[in-house]
Amino acid sequence: MATIDLTRENFEKTVNENPMVVVDFWAPWCGPCKGFAPVYEQASEAHPEVVFAKVNTDEQQELAGTFGIQVITRAKSLDMNKVQEEIRKQNKESKKAEGRE
């Protein structure tokens, strides 16, 4: 399942009508956000039972403010190579468990 864009208008409905929603707050100018985007998309495809959503903090400043999203310091501290390797490992284990590998 592809990620969906959340806005102030559809946020509450999306969160309330789905058993699990993972939300990525991002900004188009944020380098770590751009690096994380393919990983997030891959995770959304690997877990179709979960709704993966994104909030553009530049366009949805009120929504981002509600959650206290101001600085992307945690994203900057991520080692994206390590995150991607962990996802590859998990995908390989999932395929093996399903008998596809």
Protein backbone atom coordinates (compact mmCIF):
# COMPACT_ATOMS: atom_id res chain seq x y z
CA MET A 1 0.00 0.00 0.00
CA ALA A 2 1.35 3.43 -0.87
CA THR A 3 1.62 6.14 1.72
CA ILE A 4 -1.18 8.67 2.02
CA ASP A 5 -0.91 12.41 2.57
CA LEU A 6 -2.51 13.68 5.76
CA THR A 7 -3.98 17.14 6.14
CA ARG A 8 -5.88 18.88 8.88
CA GLU A 9 -9.04 17.84 7.04
CA ASN A 10 -8.40 14.07 6.87
CA PHE A 11 -6.06 13.43 9.83
CA GLU A 12 -8.63 12.64 12.51
CA LYS A 13 -10.77 10.46 10.22
CA THR A 14 -7.74 8.48 9.05
CA VAL A 15 -6.44 7.89 12.57
CA ASN A 16 -9.87 7.03 14.02
CA GLU A 17 -10.97 4.68 11.23
CA ASN A 18 -7.85 2.52 11.04
CA PRO A 19 -6.49 0.15 13.68
CA MET A 20 -2.86 1.19 13.09
CA VAL A 21 -1.52 4.35 11.48
CA VAL A 22 2.17 5.28 11.28
CA VAL A 23 2.72 8.98 10.60
CA ASP A 24 5.86 10.53 9.15
CA PHE A 25 6.17 14.28 9.66
CA TRP A 26 8.49 15.60 6.95
CA ALA A 27 9.56 18.74 5.11
CA PRO A 28 10.65 19.08 1.47
CA TRP A 29 13.83 20.93 2.49
CA CYS A 30 14.88 18.27 5.03
CA GLY A 31 17.76 16.10 3.78
CA PRO A 32 17.23 13.30 6.33
CA CYS A 33 13.52 13.28 5.46
CA LYS A 34 14.37 12.76 1.79
CA GLY A 35 16.75 9.95 2.74
CA PHE A 36 14.11 8.29 4.89
CA ALA A 37 11.32 8.55 2.28
CA PRO A 38 12.26 5.41 0.25
CA VAL A 39 12.64 3.39 3.45
CA TYR A 40 9.24 4.54 4.65
CA GLU A 41 7.66 3.73 1.28
CA GLN A 42 9.26 0.28 1.33
CA ALA A 43 7.90 -0.35 4.83
CA SER A 44 4.42 0.67 3.66
CA GLU A 45 4.59 -1.84 0.84
CA ALA A 46 5.84 -4.59 3.15
CA HIS A 47 3.00 -4.02 5.65
CA PRO A 48 -0.24 -3.44 3.72
CA GLU A 49 -2.31 -4.04 6.87
CA VAL A 50 -0.91 -0.80 8.35
CA VAL A 51 -1.72 2.70 7.10
CA PHE A 52 1.48 4.66 6.46
CA ALA A 53 0.79 8.37 6.22
CA LYS A 54 2.84 11.52 5.74
CA VAL A 55 2.39 15.09 6.91
CA ASN A 56 4.19 17.83 5.00
CA THR A 57 5.06 20.17 7.87
CA ASP A 58 5.48 23.16 5.54
CA GLU A 59 1.96 22.79 4.14
CA GLN A 60 0.34 21.57 7.38
CA GLN A 61 1.94 23.86 9.94
CA GLU A 62 -1.10 23.85 12.23
CA LEU A 63 -1.20 20.05 12.28
CA ALA A 64 2.55 19.80 12.85
CA GLY A 65 2.29 22.36 15.65
CA THR A 66 -0.41 20.30 17.35
CA PHE A 67 2.13 17.51 17.74
CA GLY A 68 5.02 19.80 18.63
CA ILE A 69 6.91 19.10 15.43
CA GLN A 70 9.45 21.91 15.16
CA VAL A 71 12.94 20.45 14.65
CA ILE A 72 14.00 17.27 12.92
CA THR A 73 16.90 16.51 15.28
CA ARG A 74 16.03 12.85 15.76
CA ALA A 75 15.87 12.23 12.02
CA LYS A 76 19.29 13.79 11.62
CA SER A 77 20.74 11.31 14.10
CA LEU A 78 19.52 8.27 12.15
CA ASP A 79 22.09 6.19 10.31
CA MET A 80 20.07 5.57 7.15
CA ASN A 81 22.42 2.82 5.93
CA LYS A 82 21.79 0.95 9.17
CA VAL A 83 18.01 1.50 8.91
CA GLN A 84 17.96 0.24 5.30
CA GLU A 85 20.03 -2.82 6.22
CA GLU A 86 17.64 -3.64 9.06
CA ILE A 87 14.65 -3.40 6.68
CA ARG A 88 16.39 -5.67 4.15
CA LYS A 89 17.07 -8.16 6.95
CA GLN A 90 13.44 -8.07 8.11
CA ASN A 91 12.13 -8.48 4.56
CA LYS A 92 14.44 -11.45 4.00
CA GLU A 93 13.26 -13.06 7.25
CA SER A 94 9.60 -12.45 6.31
CA LYS A 95 10.08 -14.05 2.89
CA LYS A 96 11.87 -17.00 4.46
CA ALA A 97 9.04 -17.47 6.99
CA GLU A 98 6.49 -17.35 4.16
CA GLY A 99 8.50 -19.90 2.17
CA ARG A 100 9.16 -17.48 -0.69
CA GLU A 101 12.93 -17.67 -0.40
